[in-house]
C-alpha atoms as a PDB file:
ATOM      1  CA  MET A   1      -5.528 -26.299  -1.038  1.00  0.00           C
ATOM      2  CA  PRO A   2      -7.745 -27.797  -3.741  1.00  0.00           C
ATOM      3  CA  LYS A   3      -8.515 -31.478  -3.523  1.00  0.00           C
ATOM      4  CA  ARG A   4      -6.808 -33.602  -6.068  1.00  0.00           C
ATOM      5  CA  VAL A   5      -9.405 -35.011  -8.370  1.00  0.00           C
ATOM      6  CA  LEU A   6      -7.809 -38.090  -9.433  1.00  0.00           C
ATOM      7  CA  VAL A   7     -10.291 -38.972 -11.780  1.00  0.00           C
ATOM      8  CA  ALA A   8      -9.463 -42.566 -11.738  1.00  0.00           C
ATOM      9  CA  VAL A   9     -10.621 -43.103 -15.209  1.00  0.00           C
ATOM     10  CA  VAL A  10     -11.335 -46.637 -14.523  1.00  0.00           C
ATOM     11  CA  VAL A  11     -10.369 -47.318 -17.993  1.00  0.00           C
ATOM     12  CA  SER A  12     -12.911 -49.881 -18.204  1.00  0.00           C
ATOM     13  CA  VAL A  13     -13.430 -47.861 -21.272  1.00  0.00           C
ATOM     14  CA  MET A  14     -16.530 -49.802 -21.651  1.00  0.00           C
ATOM     15  CA  LEU A  15     -15.216 -51.064 -24.875  1.00  0.00           C
ATOM     16  CA  LEU A  16     -18.233 -50.059 -26.890  1.00  0.00           C
ATOM     17  CA  GLY A  17     -16.397 -47.711 -29.206  1.00  0.00           C
ATOM     18  CA  SER A  18     -13.200 -49.718 -29.208  1.00  0.00           C
ATOM     19  CA  LEU A  19     -15.019 -52.876 -30.220  1.00  0.00           C
ATOM     20  CA  THR A  20     -16.788 -51.020 -32.981  1.00  0.00           C
ATOM     21  CA  ALA A  21     -13.479 -49.724 -34.347  1.00  0.00           C
ATOM     22  CA  ALA A  22     -11.835 -53.145 -34.031  1.00  0.00           C
ATOM     23  CA  SER A  23     -14.663 -54.855 -35.853  1.00  0.00           C
ATOM     24  CA  GLY A  24     -14.105 -52.700 -38.929  1.00  0.00           C
ATOM     25  CA  GLN A  25     -17.293 -50.730 -38.524  1.00  0.00           C
ATOM     26  CA  ASP A  26     -17.494 -46.951 -38.719  1.00  0.00           C
ATOM     27  CA  PRO A  27     -14.947 -45.605 -36.186  1.00  0.00           C
ATOM     28  CA  SER A  28     -16.764 -42.272 -35.956  1.00  0.00           C
ATOM     29  CA  GLY A  29     -18.964 -43.639 -33.151  1.00  0.00           C
ATOM     30  CA  THR A  30     -18.691 -43.138 -29.439  1.00  0.00           C
ATOM     31  CA  ALA A  31     -17.161 -44.962 -26.498  1.00  0.00           C
ATOM     32  CA  SER A  32     -18.067 -44.845 -22.840  1.00  0.00           C
ATOM     33  CA  VAL A  33     -15.521 -44.095 -20.142  1.00  0.00           C
ATOM     34  CA  LEU A  34     -16.143 -44.880 -16.483  1.00  0.00           C
ATOM     35  CA  VAL A  35     -14.799 -42.011 -14.361  1.00  0.00           C
ATOM     36  CA  LYS A  36     -14.424 -42.203 -10.572  1.00  0.00           C
ATOM     37  CA  LEU A  37     -14.075 -38.847  -8.839  1.00  0.00           C
ATOM     38  CA  VAL A  38     -12.533 -38.189  -5.432  1.00  0.00           C
ATOM     39  CA  PRO A  39     -14.868 -37.722  -2.475  1.00  0.00           C
ATOM     40  CA  GLY A  40     -16.000 -34.270  -1.396  1.00  0.00           C
ATOM     41  CA  LEU A  41     -16.526 -32.575  -4.752  1.00  0.00           C
ATOM     42  CA  THR A  42     -19.586 -30.399  -5.160  1.00  0.00           C
ATOM     43  CA  LEU A  43     -21.923 -31.031  -8.087  1.00  0.00           C
ATOM     44  CA  ASP A  44     -20.511 -27.919  -9.758  1.00  0.00           C
ATOM     45  CA  SER A  45     -16.953 -29.245  -9.369  1.00  0.00           C
ATOM     46  CA  GLN A  46     -17.944 -32.629 -10.785  1.00  0.00           C
ATOM     47  CA  THR A  47     -19.556 -30.946 -13.777  1.00  0.00           C
ATOM     48  CA  ALA A  48     -16.462 -28.777 -14.261  1.00  0.00           C
ATOM     49  CA  VAL A  49     -14.156 -31.820 -14.305  1.00  0.00           C
ATOM     50  CA  ILE A  50     -16.247 -33.544 -16.968  1.00  0.00           C
ATOM     51  CA  THR A  51     -16.634 -30.386 -19.039  1.00  0.00           C
ATOM     52  CA  ARG A  52     -12.921 -29.592 -18.849  1.00  0.00           C
ATOM     53  CA  ASN A  53     -11.718 -33.073 -19.784  1.00  0.00           C
ATOM     54  CA  GLY A  54     -14.202 -33.894 -22.507  1.00  0.00           C
ATOM     55  CA  GLY A  55     -17.199 -36.027 -23.175  1.00  0.00           C
ATOM     56  CA  VAL A  56     -20.818 -35.931 -22.132  1.00  0.00           C
ATOM     57  CA  GLU A  57     -22.052 -37.498 -18.911  1.00  0.00           C
ATOM     58  CA  VAL A  58     -24.765 -40.010 -19.712  1.00  0.00           C
ATOM     59  CA  SER A  59     -25.196 -41.676 -16.338  1.00  0.00           C
ATOM     60  CA  SER A  60     -23.820 -41.752 -12.804  1.00  0.00           C
ATOM     61  CA  ILE A  61     -23.837 -43.747  -9.595  1.00  0.00           C
ATOM     62  CA  PRO A  62     -23.477 -41.021  -6.945  1.00  0.00           C
ATOM     63  CA  ALA A  63     -22.944 -43.381  -3.995  1.00  0.00           C
ATOM     64  CA  LEU A  64     -19.856 -44.774  -5.746  1.00  0.00           C
ATOM     65  CA  ARG A  65     -18.754 -41.419  -7.252  1.00  0.00           C
ATOM     66  CA  LEU A  66     -18.873 -43.022 -10.711  1.00  0.00           C
ATOM     67  CA  HIS A  67     -19.777 -41.184 -13.889  1.00  0.00           C
ATOM     68  CA  VAL A  68     -20.329 -42.717 -17.301  1.00  0.00           C
ATOM     69  CA  VAL A  69     -18.978 -40.296 -19.876  1.00  0.00           C
ATOM     70  CA  GLU A  70     -19.527 -40.734 -23.596  1.00  0.00           C
ATOM     71  CA  VAL A  71     -16.700 -39.606 -25.895  1.00  0.00           C
ATOM     72  CA  ALA A  72     -16.032 -39.756 -29.608  1.00  0.00           C
ATOM     73  CA  THR A  73     -14.040 -42.872 -30.449  1.00  0.00           C
ATOM     74  CA  ALA A  74     -11.489 -40.774 -32.333  1.00  0.00           C
ATOM     75  CA  GLU A  75     -10.815 -38.767 -29.142  1.00  0.00           C
ATOM     76  CA  LEU A  76     -10.836 -41.673 -26.709  1.00  0.00           C
ATOM     77  CA  MET A  77      -7.110 -41.829 -25.967  1.00  0.00           C
ATOM     78  CA  ALA A  78      -6.717 -38.048 -25.627  1.00  0.00           C
ATOM     79  CA  VAL A  79      -9.748 -37.730 -23.348  1.00  0.00           C
ATOM     80  CA  THR A  80      -8.630 -40.675 -21.211  1.00  0.00           C
ATOM     81  CA  THR A  81      -5.193 -39.089 -20.812  1.00  0.00           C
ATOM     82  CA  ARG A  82      -6.742 -35.763 -19.773  1.00  0.00           C
ATOM     83  CA  TYR A  83      -8.882 -37.441 -17.108  1.00  0.00           C
ATOM     84  CA  GLN A  84      -5.953 -39.447 -15.763  1.00  0.00           C
ATOM     85  CA  SER A  85      -3.744 -36.365 -15.410  1.00  0.00           C
ATOM     86  CA  ASP A  86      -6.395 -33.974 -14.063  1.00  0.00           C
ATOM     87  CA  PRO A  87      -5.050 -32.273 -10.897  1.00  0.00           C
ATOM     88  CA  LEU A  88      -8.311 -30.317 -10.422  1.00  0.00           C
END
């Protein structure tokens, strides 16, 4: 039985993109999403989760299973929803 990847999108959506949009600047920028994956996933599985749900990984903290994923501000809500509902 596959492990459930609750990608606890610790929607500490590092408000970079959201603040840009709120400040009236160009909303076509990017935002960063902090994604926490479940333990036990292989590197290939981690890559697959990020590829499937959207965004580009820009950094990670492997010991904490955290991944910083950059997404287009316009797609932020949709991408966040996909991560939160990912069953793997």
